[in-house]
């Protein structure tokens, strides 16, 4: 059986922007990248846009531990973003994963 990462957390945060709100939403999400990448335990914080449906925006995030991810979620800029996101977001799915190692 392949090994899984023991502590590291991978978060897949997928959002569907409201029609016509894609650019504004991406700009808001983009502003989270620099401060998040400076956080303790941040390994990866990558913003992506679907080729097939440009309204679908996905963050692929990796943190050294669940504690580091929880700390990220408690940051003021993350909380403020989620308070504002209903103006841009039609739907969202946020799931946590463990990486299966090579």
Protein backbone atom coordinates (compact mmCIF):
# COMPACT_ATOMS: atom_id res chain seq x y z
CA UNK A 1 0.00 0.00 0.00
CA UNK A 2 1.44 3.42 -0.92
CA UNK A 3 2.40 5.71 1.93
CA UNK A 4 0.51 8.92 2.66
CA UNK A 5 1.93 12.12 4.04
CA UNK A 6 1.51 11.98 7.80
CA UNK A 7 1.19 15.63 8.76
CA UNK A 8 0.95 17.71 5.60
CA UNK A 9 -2.48 18.90 4.51
CA UNK A 10 -3.52 19.57 0.94
CA UNK A 11 -6.55 21.82 0.49
CA UNK A 12 -8.45 22.02 -2.77
CA UNK A 13 -10.64 25.12 -2.72
CA UNK A 14 -12.80 25.31 -5.83
CA UNK A 15 -15.09 28.25 -6.53
CA UNK A 16 -17.51 29.06 -9.32
CA UNK A 17 -17.69 32.80 -9.85
CA UNK A 18 -20.97 34.50 -10.61
CA UNK A 19 -21.35 35.34 -14.32
CA UNK A 20 -19.33 38.44 -15.16
CA UNK A 21 -17.52 38.43 -11.78
CA UNK A 22 -14.55 36.24 -12.76
CA UNK A 23 -11.97 39.01 -13.18
CA UNK A 24 -12.97 40.83 -10.00
CA UNK A 25 -12.94 37.55 -8.05
CA UNK A 26 -9.53 36.52 -9.39
CA UNK A 27 -8.11 39.91 -8.41
CA UNK A 28 -9.46 39.47 -4.88
CA UNK A 29 -8.03 35.94 -4.63
CA UNK A 30 -4.71 37.03 -6.12
CA UNK A 31 -4.26 39.51 -3.27
CA UNK A 32 -4.19 36.56 -0.83
CA UNK A 33 -1.18 34.88 -2.43
CA UNK A 34 1.73 37.01 -1.15
CA UNK A 35 0.68 37.14 2.52
CA UNK A 36 -0.28 33.46 2.59
CA UNK A 37 3.03 32.34 1.12
CA UNK A 38 4.75 34.09 4.06
CA UNK A 39 2.71 32.16 6.64
CA UNK A 40 4.26 29.52 8.86
CA UNK A 41 3.95 26.10 7.26
CA UNK A 42 2.81 27.24 3.81
CA UNK A 43 4.39 24.91 1.25
CA UNK A 44 2.21 25.64 -1.78
CA UNK A 45 -0.47 28.22 -2.53
CA UNK A 46 -1.39 28.17 -6.19
CA UNK A 47 -4.29 29.90 -7.95
CA UNK A 48 -5.72 28.28 -11.11
CA UNK A 49 -8.49 28.97 -13.61
CA UNK A 50 -10.32 26.25 -15.53
CA UNK A 51 -9.63 26.13 -19.26
CA UNK A 52 -13.07 24.67 -20.00
CA UNK A 53 -15.03 27.03 -17.76
CA UNK A 54 -13.27 30.31 -16.86
CA UNK A 55 -15.77 30.89 -14.04
CA UNK A 56 -14.19 27.96 -12.13
CA UNK A 57 -11.27 29.13 -10.00
CA UNK A 58 -9.25 26.72 -7.84
CA UNK A 59 -6.67 27.16 -5.11
CA UNK A 60 -4.33 24.22 -4.54
CA UNK A 61 -2.83 24.68 -1.11
CA UNK A 62 -0.36 22.65 0.91
CA UNK A 63 0.53 23.26 4.54
CA UNK A 64 3.02 21.47 6.77
CA UNK A 65 0.31 20.51 9.28
CA UNK A 66 -3.38 20.81 10.07
CA UNK A 67 -2.42 23.36 12.75
CA UNK A 68 -0.70 25.51 10.12
CA UNK A 69 -3.73 25.24 7.85
CA UNK A 70 -6.04 26.19 10.74
CA UNK A 71 -3.82 29.19 11.47
CA UNK A 72 -4.09 30.20 7.81
CA UNK A 73 -7.89 30.01 8.01
CA UNK A 74 -7.88 32.31 11.05
CA UNK A 75 -5.83 35.06 9.38
CA UNK A 76 -7.71 38.39 9.19
CA UNK A 77 -7.25 38.68 5.41
CA UNK A 78 -8.72 35.19 4.87
CA UNK A 79 -11.68 35.89 7.16
CA UNK A 80 -12.30 39.24 5.42
CA UNK A 81 -12.14 37.57 2.04
CA UNK A 82 -14.79 34.99 2.96
CA UNK A 83 -17.02 37.73 4.35
CA UNK A 84 -16.84 39.51 0.96
CA UNK A 85 -16.92 36.42 -1.28
CA UNK A 86 -20.74 36.09 -1.61
CA UNK A 87 -20.66 39.08 -3.97
CA UNK A 88 -18.47 37.08 -6.38
CA UNK A 89 -19.15 33.39 -5.68
CA UNK A 90 -22.00 31.26 -6.97
CA UNK A 91 -20.77 28.03 -5.34
CA UNK A 92 -17.73 26.62 -3.58
CA UNK A 93 -16.22 23.34 -2.46
CA UNK A 94 -13.34 23.15 0.01
CA UNK A 95 -11.85 19.73 0.75
CA UNK A 96 -8.82 18.56 2.73
CA UNK A 97 -6.57 15.74 1.56
CA UNK A 98 -3.45 13.76 2.44
CA UNK A 99 -0.91 13.41 -0.35
CA UNK A 100 -0.19 9.87 -1.49
CA UNK A 101 3.59 9.73 -1.70
CA UNK A 102 5.57 8.35 -4.67
